[in-house]
Structures are given as C-alpha cells and as structure tokens.
Protein backbone atom coordinates (compact mmCIF):
# COMPACT_ATOMS: atom_id res chain seq x y z
CA MET A 1 -21.33 -52.24 6.14
CA ASN A 2 -24.15 -52.34 4.02
CA GLU A 3 -24.73 -51.01 0.67
CA GLN A 4 -27.46 -47.87 2.51
CA GLN A 5 -24.60 -46.95 4.83
CA ILE A 6 -21.95 -46.83 2.38
CA ARG A 7 -24.01 -44.70 0.35
CA ARG A 8 -24.31 -42.31 2.92
CA TYR A 9 -20.98 -42.65 3.90
CA ILE A 10 -20.22 -41.50 0.21
CA GLN A 11 -22.82 -38.58 0.29
CA ARG A 12 -21.36 -36.91 3.55
CA ILE A 13 -17.68 -36.88 2.04
CA LEU A 14 -19.18 -35.12 -0.85
CA ILE A 15 -20.88 -32.58 0.97
CA GLU A 16 -17.58 -31.97 3.13
CA ASN A 17 -15.63 -31.56 0.08
CA GLU A 18 -18.14 -29.01 -1.51
CA LYS A 19 -17.91 -27.02 1.41
CA GLU A 20 -14.13 -26.75 1.77
CA GLU A 21 -14.44 -26.06 -1.73
CA GLU A 22 -16.51 -22.79 -1.55
CA PRO A 23 -14.36 -19.83 -2.26
CA LYS A 24 -14.02 -17.56 1.45
CA LYS A 25 -15.30 -14.45 1.01
CA LYS A 26 -13.01 -11.68 1.48
CA LYS A 27 -13.16 -9.30 4.37
CA VAL A 28 -13.62 -5.61 3.35
CA VAL A 29 -11.63 -3.31 5.00
CA LYS A 30 -12.89 0.76 4.34
CA ILE A 31 -10.13 3.40 4.82
CA LYS A 32 -11.71 7.04 6.17
CA ALA A 33 -11.02 10.15 4.08
CA GLY A 34 -7.98 11.97 5.19
CA GLU A 35 -6.21 8.35 6.14
CA ILE A 36 -3.60 6.31 4.18
CA GLY A 37 -3.88 2.91 3.71
CA LEU A 38 -1.10 0.32 3.18
CA SER A 39 -1.57 -3.27 2.25
CA VAL A 40 1.89 -5.29 2.06
CA GLY A 41 1.34 -8.63 3.65
CA GLY A 42 3.02 -9.69 7.12
CA GLY A 43 6.36 -9.41 8.30
CA GLY A 44 9.05 -7.13 9.41
CA PHE A 45 10.92 -4.12 7.74
CA THR A 46 14.36 -3.24 7.80
CA LYS A 47 15.93 -0.74 10.01
CA VAL A 48 16.06 1.87 7.64
CA VAL A 49 12.72 1.94 7.27
CA ALA A 50 11.53 1.60 10.85
CA ASP A 51 13.90 4.76 11.84
CA ALA A 52 12.36 7.10 8.96
CA GLY A 53 8.66 6.05 10.46
CA ALA A 54 10.27 7.39 13.80
CA LEU A 55 11.47 10.63 12.01
CA ALA A 56 8.04 10.82 10.42
CA LYS A 57 6.28 10.58 13.99
CA LYS A 58 8.77 12.63 15.92
CA ASN A 59 9.95 15.16 13.42
CA PRO A 60 8.27 15.46 9.78
CA LYS A 61 9.71 18.75 8.70
CA GLN A 62 13.28 16.89 9.12
CA LEU A 63 11.77 14.07 7.14
CA MET A 64 10.73 16.23 4.37
CA THR A 65 14.10 18.26 4.49
CA ASN A 66 15.86 14.94 4.34
CA LEU A 67 13.70 13.78 0.91
CA GLU A 68 14.17 17.40 -0.37
CA ILE A 69 10.35 18.02 -0.23
CA LYS A 70 9.54 21.63 -0.50
CA ALA A 71 5.79 21.76 -1.87
CA GLY A 72 2.79 19.53 -1.15
CA GLY A 73 -0.80 19.70 -2.12
CA LYS A 74 -3.92 17.88 -1.25
CA ASP A 75 -5.63 14.96 -2.19
CA PHE A 76 -4.13 12.25 -4.50
CA GLU A 77 -2.78 14.93 -6.66
CA GLY A 78 -0.69 16.26 -3.58
CA ALA A 79 0.08 13.12 -2.76
CA GLN A 80 1.80 12.30 -6.36
CA LYS A 81 3.63 15.95 -6.41
CA ILE A 82 5.20 15.00 -2.69
CA LEU A 83 6.43 11.47 -4.20
CA LYS A 84 7.80 12.93 -7.47
CA GLN A 85 10.04 15.50 -5.40
CA ALA A 86 10.94 12.53 -2.97
CA LEU A 87 12.05 10.14 -5.62
CA ASN A 88 13.51 12.74 -7.83
CA GLY A 89 15.03 14.62 -4.91
CA ASN A 90 18.30 12.46 -3.74
CA ALA A 91 20.21 10.16 -5.17
CA VAL A 92 19.38 7.71 -1.92
CA MET A 93 16.03 7.38 -3.33
CA GLN A 94 16.88 7.37 -6.85
CA ASN A 95 18.55 4.49 -6.12
CA ALA A 96 16.35 2.80 -3.79
CA TYR A 97 13.00 3.36 -6.23
CA GLY A 98 13.04 2.80 -10.09
CA GLY A 99 10.92 5.72 -11.18
CA LEU A 100 6.81 6.58 -11.36
CA THR A 101 4.50 6.07 -14.04
CA MET A 102 1.08 7.25 -14.24
CA ILE A 103 -1.89 4.03 -14.74
CA SER A 104 -5.35 3.47 -14.61
CA LYS A 105 -7.78 0.95 -14.08
CA GLY A 106 -11.42 0.87 -14.55
CA GLY A 107 -11.61 4.80 -14.21
CA SER A 108 -9.40 5.06 -11.36
CA SER A 109 -6.14 6.57 -11.74
CA GLY A 110 -2.84 5.61 -9.72
CA ILE A 111 0.70 5.85 -9.47
CA ARG A 112 3.12 2.81 -10.24
CA VAL A 113 6.34 3.23 -8.20
CA SER A 114 8.84 0.69 -9.52
CA MET A 115 11.58 -0.23 -7.47
CA GLY A 116 15.18 0.15 -7.87
CA GLN A 117 17.71 -1.60 -4.99
CA LEU A 118 14.74 -1.44 -2.28
CA ASN A 119 12.13 -4.44 -2.54
CA ALA A 120 8.18 -3.60 -2.83
CA ARG A 121 7.17 -4.59 0.70
CA ASN A 122 10.07 -2.00 2.31
CA GLY A 123 9.49 0.40 -0.58
CA ALA A 124 5.75 0.43 0.15
CA LYS A 125 6.54 1.08 3.93
CA PHE A 126 8.51 3.69 3.45
CA LEU A 127 6.06 5.38 0.88
CA HIS A 128 3.43 5.57 3.92
CA HIS A 129 5.76 6.99 6.03
CA THR A 130 6.65 9.48 3.38
CA LEU A 131 3.21 10.51 2.78
CA MET A 132 2.21 10.39 6.89
CA GLY A 133 5.24 12.61 7.60
CA ALA A 134 4.13 15.14 4.68
CA MET A 135 0.69 15.17 6.54
CA LYS A 136 2.18 15.97 9.72
CA ALA A 137 4.64 18.55 8.45
CA GLY A 138 1.11 20.30 6.61
CA LEU A 139 2.54 19.57 3.30
CA LEU A 140 -0.33 17.25 1.94
CA SER A 141 -4.03 17.23 3.01
CA SER A 142 -6.62 14.66 1.64
CA SER A 143 -10.32 14.67 1.80
CA VAL A 144 -10.15 11.24 0.27
CA PRO A 145 -8.67 8.08 1.66
CA LEU A 146 -5.32 7.08 0.15
CA GLN A 147 -3.71 3.31 -0.60
CA ILE A 148 -0.33 2.07 -1.10
CA GLN A 149 -0.43 -1.72 -2.43
CA VAL A 150 2.02 -3.84 -3.44
CA ASP A 151 1.55 -5.16 -6.81
CA GLY A 152 4.16 -7.82 -7.68
CA SER A 153 7.39 -6.04 -7.40
CA ASP A 154 6.29 -2.77 -7.78
CA VAL A 155 4.34 -0.74 -5.48
CA ILE A 156 0.71 1.41 -6.56
CA VAL A 157 -0.79 4.25 -4.84
CA TYR A 158 -4.16 5.44 -5.50
CA ALA A 159 -7.18 7.00 -3.91
CA ALA A 160 -9.86 4.52 -3.08
CA GLU A 161 -12.20 3.62 0.40
CA VAL A 162 -11.54 -0.20 -0.17
CA LYS A 163 -8.35 -1.10 1.58
CA GLY A 164 -6.11 -3.22 -1.61
CA SER A 165 -8.78 -2.72 -3.85
CA TRP A 166 -6.35 -1.92 -6.98
C-alpha cells in the first residue's frame, strides 16, 4: 500500500464512524383523542394484570365494582378521579401502589403514581386496564389523548398527543 491508499482507507473509516455516531431520530407516535397510550417497553405481564385486562374487556362494570370506583368524569380530570378511587378503594390496591401526587412539567400536568408491591411496568399496564375499563363502563370519556408512561420506578399519567412524551 502506498501513502495515498492508506490516506483513503483512513478517510473511509472516519466517515463510517461519523455515520454510526449520528443520533437516531425517535419515531413519533401520535395518540388520537379518546385513546389511552401506554409506554412500558417490551416483555410479558403477570397473570393478575392479564386477568384484569380480560375483565376490563368482558365485564368492565365488575372491574369498577371490584376497584370500588363509583364515579368518573371527562378527560384528564376524570382519569384522575378514577385513579384516586381505585388506589384508595381497597387494601389490595393500597398495597400494590404507593400513592398519587400531582406533578407538572413544561406547562403540562400529570399524576405520578408511586409503586408499592407492584413493579412500575405491571403497575402501568394495570392502570391502563383500569382506565380502559372505566371507558367501557361509561365512567370515563375523553376528548383528549391520555398517556400512561413508566418513569423509573414510578408511573406518570398525563394528557398528550405524542406517545412517551413526558
């Protein structure tokens, strides 16, 4: 190899490294009004969470009774009301979840749900089943897209169009 060939070889390597280092653009997924998005990552859920999903689909009113949810509402405020009742309604939910706190970020409001005996991933999915069941039972209506997102060891519930935007 002569000097010129070595220079071209090194330039090709440098150009390839620059291409590899370019940040990959995140795919933006938008949620429609009235839908509830869920951002939890991959993997399976526990049987208890899967059973709650089946109940939310087949008999949502029974799920609301089991969670002691008696009243609902509209949009983010309705979701907040439902989650407060669910997490304070019975001992099982009180053990599974730690509590609710209102939070804000960049002009947006959300609910931070801390975990008790349940991990954040399964907790987020169960909250999703709860809100979906509330919609099917006629206790929750929404003209805005709602989001449920795992944030470390907690779950954030908020209203936003872009999935995973908290």
